[in-house]
Amino acid sequence: MSVRTHWNPLQEFAIRLCLMKIVLLSRSRSIPSTRRMVEAAKARGHQVRVLNPLEVSVRLGRKKPGLVYRTKTIRVPDVVIPRIASSIASYGLAIVDHFQAHGAVVLNSAPAIGLSRNPARCLQRLASAGLEIPVTVISREVRDLQAMVDEVGGVPVLVKLMAGSERRGVMLCESRQSLEAALEAVLGLGHNIVMQEYVRKAQRDVRVFVVGGIALAAASRVPRAGRLSRTLSRNARIEPTELTEPLRLAAEAAAKLTELEVCAVDLLEVGGQKPPRVFEVNASPSLPEMEAATGVDLATAIIQRAEVMYRVLHPA
């Protein structure tokens, strides 16, 4: 795979003098995105270790506080790069918090990841700052389902499920009957819901990769024939696309508002002179697909951002 990086050669010379100990928090070293991060870190001379966050224990109190991994005490590294799955977010983010509280540079912080994982809070923050988002209704109970559906422009609609601060999943309901059946199930389990407009007239569904507040690459997602879904996780075809000024501005603004150092911002281009609509911010985006589609070495860009952040805190 041919990839290109975006960096100033003078910065490169200075930063290469600083070698770091990096911990990647990931369930497995074999996960493709994790593997790419390990390759990029080692290529730049850093020591890198992959830790499953579920196997990290925290000791608190005055007597021997610290971290334990598989019965062995571990030292706080220079840099921690979290790749925390939604299914383990509650425990994983507590581990991220502990590393940061004890001096590690963290890409991304636990509060920022938690915000991105909560669709309601994330969209509220973006909309309050003036960013365009799809029409959205947040509710605990659905007393007047038809009014909610009408509010977001009718079916099909996207239904995002929440429980606490973790995102549990997304459903696409193409008819009122399927929506009623889905809501009856999820509301009975006590989930909050976010119902969102499905933008039929979107010209493109675009993912923009942002590192250190700078948009580096963009790719459009094309759904499988006969499907409305446009997500990477459902085998959409990914194609390189131009990183236009409206896309760049919207993606960088979303990254800044969520305080994420590394993220993918998903947007819908709606045509005309209208700005793109942000519908999701992902704190642990997949790397190989975006790198293959765009030719940009995103893994190295993330490691370079970690180097900059570390040098700012440790200039000597």
Protein backbone atom coordinates (compact mmCIF):
# COMPACT_ATOMS: atom_id res chain seq x y z
CA MET A 1 0.00 0.00 0.00
CA SER A 2 1.40 3.35 -1.03
CA VAL A 3 0.78 6.04 1.57
CA ARG A 4 1.84 9.62 2.02
CA THR A 5 2.35 11.66 5.16
CA HIS A 6 1.64 15.30 5.97
CA TRP A 7 4.41 16.86 8.05
CA ASN A 8 6.96 19.63 8.14
CA PRO A 9 10.52 18.25 7.63
CA LEU A 10 11.95 20.65 10.25
CA GLN A 11 9.48 19.35 12.80
CA GLU A 12 10.36 15.83 11.70
CA PHE A 13 14.08 16.34 12.41
CA ALA A 14 13.48 17.75 15.89
CA ILE A 15 10.86 15.21 16.92
CA ARG A 16 12.83 12.18 15.78
CA LEU A 17 15.35 12.93 18.51
CA CYS A 18 12.70 11.98 21.09
CA LEU A 19 11.97 8.27 21.50
CA MET A 20 8.98 7.28 23.61
CA LYS A 21 7.42 4.36 25.41
CA ILE A 22 3.92 3.94 23.99
CA VAL A 23 1.01 1.84 25.23
CA LEU A 24 -1.81 0.96 22.87
CA LEU A 25 -4.98 0.07 24.75
CA SER A 26 -6.63 -2.51 22.50
CA ARG A 27 -8.35 -5.86 22.94
CA SER A 28 -5.89 -7.56 20.58
CA ARG A 29 -2.64 -6.89 18.77
CA SER A 30 -4.08 -8.68 15.74
CA ILE A 31 -6.80 -6.08 15.12
CA PRO A 32 -5.82 -4.44 11.79
CA SER A 33 -5.91 -0.84 13.08
CA THR A 34 -3.91 -1.80 16.17
CA ARG A 35 -1.38 -3.62 14.02
CA ARG A 36 -0.94 -0.52 11.83
CA MET A 37 -0.31 1.64 14.89
CA VAL A 38 2.32 -0.78 16.18
CA GLU A 39 4.06 -0.80 12.79
CA ALA A 40 4.09 3.01 12.59
CA ALA A 41 5.42 3.44 16.13
CA LYS A 42 8.21 0.88 15.68
CA ALA A 43 9.17 2.39 12.32
CA ARG A 44 9.88 5.65 14.15
CA GLY A 45 11.99 3.93 16.79
CA HIS A 46 9.55 3.96 19.68
CA GLN A 47 8.94 1.15 22.15
CA VAL A 48 5.31 0.05 21.86
CA ARG A 49 3.25 -2.37 23.89
CA VAL A 50 -0.37 -3.48 23.38
CA LEU A 51 -2.40 -3.93 26.56
CA ASN A 52 -5.91 -5.33 26.74
CA PRO A 53 -7.67 -2.75 28.95
CA LEU A 54 -9.83 -5.48 30.49
CA GLU A 55 -6.68 -7.10 31.90
CA VAL A 56 -5.36 -3.90 33.48
CA SER A 57 -6.12 -3.50 37.19
CA VAL A 58 -5.84 -0.29 39.20
CA ARG A 59 -4.54 -0.18 42.76
CA LEU A 60 -5.72 2.84 44.71
CA GLY A 61 -4.83 4.17 48.15
CA ARG A 62 -1.63 5.15 49.90
CA LYS A 63 -0.04 1.70 49.93
CA LYS A 64 1.52 0.81 46.58
CA PRO A 65 -0.87 2.60 44.24
CA GLY A 66 -0.39 1.79 40.58
CA LEU A 67 -1.36 -0.38 37.65
CA VAL A 68 -1.17 -4.15 37.27
CA TYR A 69 -1.29 -6.08 34.01
CA ARG A 70 -1.69 -9.84 34.22
CA THR A 71 -0.39 -9.84 37.83
CA LYS A 72 2.66 -7.69 37.01
CA THR A 73 3.05 -4.06 38.00
CA ILE A 74 3.48 -1.74 35.02
CA ARG A 75 4.95 1.72 34.84
CA VAL A 76 3.08 4.66 33.38
CA PRO A 77 4.34 5.06 29.77
CA ASP A 78 5.10 8.30 27.98
CA VAL A 79 2.08 8.03 25.68
CA VAL A 80 -1.19 6.10 25.74
CA ILE A 81 -3.25 5.65 22.57
CA PRO A 82 -6.72 4.28 23.44
CA ARG A 83 -8.59 2.03 21.03
CA ILE A 84 -11.53 1.39 23.37
CA ALA A 85 -14.48 -0.58 21.98
CA SER A 86 -18.00 0.52 22.92
CA SER A 87 -18.67 -2.79 24.65
CA ILE A 88 -15.94 -2.15 27.25
CA ALA A 89 -16.14 1.63 27.43
CA SER A 90 -17.05 1.97 31.13
CA TYR A 91 -14.03 0.03 32.35
CA GLY A 92 -11.70 1.01 29.53
CA LEU A 93 -12.21 4.74 30.03
CA ALA A 94 -11.46 4.39 33.74
CA ILE A 95 -8.08 2.93 32.76
CA VAL A 96 -7.46 5.79 30.30
CA ASP A 97 -8.28 8.29 33.05
CA HIS A 98 -5.80 6.65 35.43
CA PHE A 99 -2.95 6.78 32.91
CA GLN A 100 -3.61 10.45 32.20
CA ALA A 101 -3.91 11.36 35.88
CA HIS A 102 -0.45 9.87 36.46
CA GLY A 103 1.34 11.80 33.74
CA ALA A 104 0.90 9.94 30.46
CA VAL A 105 0.12 11.88 27.28
CA VAL A 106 -3.22 10.50 26.09
CA LEU A 107 -4.69 10.51 22.58
CA ASN A 108 -7.81 10.75 23.26
CA SER A 109 -8.93 11.63 26.77
CA ALA A 110 -11.61 9.61 28.54
CA PRO A 111 -14.13 12.51 28.69
CA ALA A 112 -13.69 13.17 24.95
CA ILE A 113 -14.20 9.49 24.07
CA GLY A 114 -17.21 9.32 26.36
CA LEU A 115 -18.78 12.35 24.70
CA SER A 116 -18.31 10.91 21.21
CA ARG A 117 -19.92 7.64 22.33
CA ASN A 118 -23.08 9.40 23.49
CA PRO A 119 -25.03 10.41 20.36
CA ALA A 120 -27.37 12.76 22.19
CA ARG A 121 -24.71 14.73 24.05
CA CYS A 122 -22.39 14.82 21.06
CA LEU A 123 -25.06 16.13 18.68
CA GLN A 124 -26.23 18.64 21.27
CA ARG A 125 -22.75 20.09 21.54
CA LEU A 126 -22.28 20.28 17.79
CA ALA A 127 -25.67 21.85 17.15
CA SER A 128 -25.26 24.37 19.99
CA ALA A 129 -22.02 25.56 18.37
CA GLY A 130 -23.77 26.12 15.05
CA LEU A 131 -22.71 23.03 13.11
CA GLU A 132 -25.27 21.54 10.76
CA ILE A 133 -26.62 18.12 11.80
CA PRO A 134 -29.50 15.95 10.52
CA VAL A 135 -32.84 16.69 12.21
CA THR A 136 -32.77 14.77 15.49
CA VAL A 137 -35.23 13.95 18.29
CA ILE A 138 -34.03 12.71 21.68
CA SER A 139 -36.55 10.92 23.88
CA ARG A 140 -36.93 8.61 26.85
CA GLU A 141 -40.49 7.67 25.97
CA VAL A 142 -42.34 7.58 22.68
CA ARG A 143 -45.90 8.67 23.44
CA ASP A 144 -46.61 10.11 20.02
CA LEU A 145 -44.56 8.09 17.59
CA GLN A 146 -46.07 9.67 14.50
CA ALA A 147 -45.17 13.18 15.71
CA MET A 148 -41.55 12.10 16.19
CA VAL A 149 -41.43 10.51 12.76
CA ASP A 150 -42.94 13.61 11.17
CA GLU A 151 -40.43 15.80 13.01
CA VAL A 152 -37.49 14.05 11.34
CA GLY A 153 -39.07 13.94 7.90
CA GLY A 154 -40.80 10.55 7.89
CA VAL A 155 -39.46 7.04 7.36
CA PRO A 156 -36.85 5.77 6.80
CA VAL A 157 -35.32 6.95 10.07
CA LEU A 158 -32.18 6.13 12.01
CA VAL A 159 -32.64 5.03 15.62
CA LYS A 160 -29.59 5.18 17.86
CA LEU A 161 -29.69 3.42 21.20
CA MET A 162 -28.08 4.66 24.38
CA ALA A 163 -27.45 3.23 27.81
CA GLY A 164 -25.55 5.52 30.15
CA SER A 165 -22.59 6.97 28.28
CA GLU A 166 -22.09 4.09 25.86
CA ARG A 167 -23.40 3.81 22.34
CA ARG A 168 -25.11 0.46 21.92
CA GLY A 169 -25.99 0.44 18.25
CA VAL A 170 -27.80 1.95 15.29
CA MET A 171 -30.90 0.67 13.53
CA LEU A 172 -32.33 1.78 10.21
CA CYS A 173 -36.12 1.50 10.15
CA GLU A 174 -37.52 1.67 6.65
CA SER A 175 -41.21 1.54 7.58
CA ARG A 176 -43.47 2.59 10.44
CA GLN A 177 -44.14 -1.08 11.23
CA SER A 178 -40.46 -1.93 11.60
CA LEU A 179 -39.94 1.22 13.69
CA GLU A 180 -42.79 0.31 16.07
CA ALA A 181 -41.44 -3.21 16.51
CA ALA A 182 -37.91 -1.99 17.15
CA LEU A 183 -38.95 0.68 19.65
CA GLU A 184 -41.21 -1.71 21.55
CA ALA A 185 -38.21 -3.95 22.12
CA VAL A 186 -35.59 -1.35 23.02
CA LEU A 187 -37.78 0.87 25.17
CA GLY A 188 -38.88 -2.17 27.13
CA LEU A 189 -35.22 -2.68 28.06
CA GLY A 190 -34.97 0.87 29.40
CA HIS A 191 -32.85 2.36 26.63
CA ASN A 192 -32.94 6.03 25.74
CA ILE A 193 -33.22 6.69 22.02
CA VAL A 194 -32.09 9.19 19.46
CA MET A 195 -34.26 9.29 16.33
CA GLN A 196 -32.57 10.93 13.38
CA GLU A 197 -33.54 12.05 9.91
CA TYR A 198 -32.30 9.83 7.10
CA VAL A 199 -31.12 12.32 4.49
CA ARG A 200 -32.45 10.93 1.21
CA LYS A 201 -31.04 13.71 -0.95
CA ALA A 202 -27.48 13.45 0.34
CA GLN A 203 -25.03 13.64 -2.55
CA ARG A 204 -22.27 11.84 -0.68
CA ASP A 205 -21.63 10.24 2.68
CA VAL A 206 -18.08 11.28 3.55
CA ARG A 207 -15.71 10.28 6.34
CA VAL A 208 -12.98 12.80 7.15
CA PHE A 209 -10.00 11.70 9.24
CA VAL A 210 -8.72 14.35 11.65
CA VAL A 211 -5.47 14.22 13.65
CA GLY A 212 -4.38 17.01 15.98
CA GLY A 213 -7.19 19.24 14.76
CA ILE A 214 -6.14 18.97 11.10
CA ALA A 215 -8.21 17.13 8.48
CA LEU A 216 -5.84 14.82 6.61
CA ALA A 217 -7.96 12.63 4.35
CA ALA A 218 -11.48 12.09 3.09
CA ALA A 219 -13.30 9.12 1.59
CA SER A 220 -16.89 8.62 0.48
CA ARG A 221 -18.88 5.54 1.43
CA VAL A 222 -21.11 3.95 -1.22
CA PRO A 223 -23.77 1.51 0.08
CA ARG A 224 -24.31 -1.93 -1.31
CA ALA A 225 -26.93 -2.16 -4.05
CA GLY A 226 -30.44 -2.03 -2.64
CA ARG A 227 -29.31 -0.92 0.82
CA LEU A 228 -29.86 2.40 2.55
CA SER A 229 -27.02 1.92 5.01
CA ARG A 230 -23.85 3.84 4.33
CA THR A 231 -21.56 2.66 7.11
CA LEU A 232 -18.09 1.13 6.96
CA SER A 233 -19.16 -1.64 9.31
CA ARG A 234 -21.77 -2.87 6.84
CA ASN A 235 -19.45 -3.43 3.90
CA ALA A 236 -19.97 -0.14 2.12
CA ARG A 237 -17.55 0.49 -0.72
CA ILE A 238 -15.01 3.19 0.14
CA GLU A 239 -13.77 5.57 -2.52
CA PRO A 240 -11.24 8.44 -2.30
CA THR A 241 -12.80 11.87 -2.49
CA GLU A 242 -11.66 15.46 -2.55
CA LEU A 243 -11.26 17.07 0.86
CA THR A 244 -13.18 20.24 0.03
CA GLU A 245 -13.06 23.37 2.16
CA PRO A 246 -16.61 22.89 3.56
CA LEU A 247 -15.79 19.31 4.53
CA ARG A 248 -12.49 20.33 6.11
CA LEU A 249 -14.01 23.18 8.11
CA ALA A 250 -16.91 21.09 9.39
CA ALA A 251 -14.71 18.11 10.33
CA GLU A 252 -12.10 20.22 12.10
CA ALA A 253 -14.80 22.11 14.00
CA ALA A 254 -16.40 18.84 15.14
CA ALA A 255 -13.04 17.47 16.29
CA LYS A 256 -12.35 20.66 18.24
CA LEU A 257 -15.78 20.70 19.89
CA THR A 258 -15.47 17.07 21.00
CA GLU A 259 -11.84 17.66 22.10
CA LEU A 260 -10.61 14.58 20.24
CA GLU A 261 -7.00 14.45 19.05
CA VAL A 262 -7.76 11.54 16.71
CA CYS A 263 -11.16 10.98 15.16
CA ALA A 264 -13.18 10.35 12.03
CA VAL A 265 -16.03 12.75 11.36
CA ASP A 266 -18.92 11.41 9.29
CA LEU A 267 -20.74 13.99 7.18
CA LEU A 268 -23.47 14.21 4.57
CA GLU A 269 -23.13 16.52 1.60
CA VAL A 270 -26.60 17.82 0.76
CA GLY A 271 -25.87 19.80 -2.40
CA GLY A 272 -26.17 23.42 -3.40
CA GLN A 273 -24.46 25.97 -1.18
CA LYS A 274 -25.55 24.26 2.03
CA PRO A 275 -22.80 23.18 4.46
CA PRO A 276 -22.34 19.45 5.07
CA ARG A 277 -24.19 17.89 7.99
CA VAL A 278 -22.24 16.13 10.73
CA PHE A 279 -24.01 12.98 11.89
CA GLU A 280 -21.33 11.16 13.90
CA VAL A 281 -17.87 11.52 15.41
CA ASN A 282 -15.85 8.33 15.89
CA ALA A 283 -13.04 8.29 18.48
CA SER A 284 -11.57 4.93 17.37
CA PRO A 285 -11.86 4.96 13.58
CA SER A 286 -10.64 2.10 11.44
CA LEU A 287 -7.29 2.82 9.76
CA PRO A 288 -6.59 0.25 6.99
CA GLU A 289 -9.69 1.03 4.91
CA MET A 290 -9.09 4.78 4.98
CA GLU A 291 -5.38 4.40 4.27
CA ALA A 292 -6.05 2.07 1.34
CA ALA A 293 -8.68 4.39 -0.14
CA THR A 294 -6.83 7.68 0.32
CA GLY A 295 -3.14 6.72 0.18
CA VAL A 296 -2.49 8.72 3.38
CA ASP A 297 -0.34 7.18 6.12
CA LEU A 298 -2.74 7.93 8.95
CA ALA A 299 -1.04 5.63 11.48
CA THR A 300 2.22 7.56 11.18
CA ALA A 301 0.35 10.86 11.43
CA ILE A 302 -1.11 9.72 14.76
CA ILE A 303 2.33 8.75 16.10
CA GLN A 304 3.73 12.09 14.95
CA ARG A 305 0.95 13.89 16.81
CA ALA A 306 1.86 11.95 19.94
CA GLU A 307 5.48 13.03 19.52
CA VAL A 308 4.47 16.69 19.31
CA MET A 309 2.24 16.46 22.40
CA TYR A 310 4.99 14.72 24.37
CA ARG A 311 7.62 17.28 23.41
CA VAL A 312 5.33 20.13 24.46
CA LEU A 313 5.12 18.63 27.96
CA HIS A 314 8.78 17.51 28.07
CA PRO A 315 10.75 20.13 26.10
CA ALA A 316 14.09 19.05 27.60
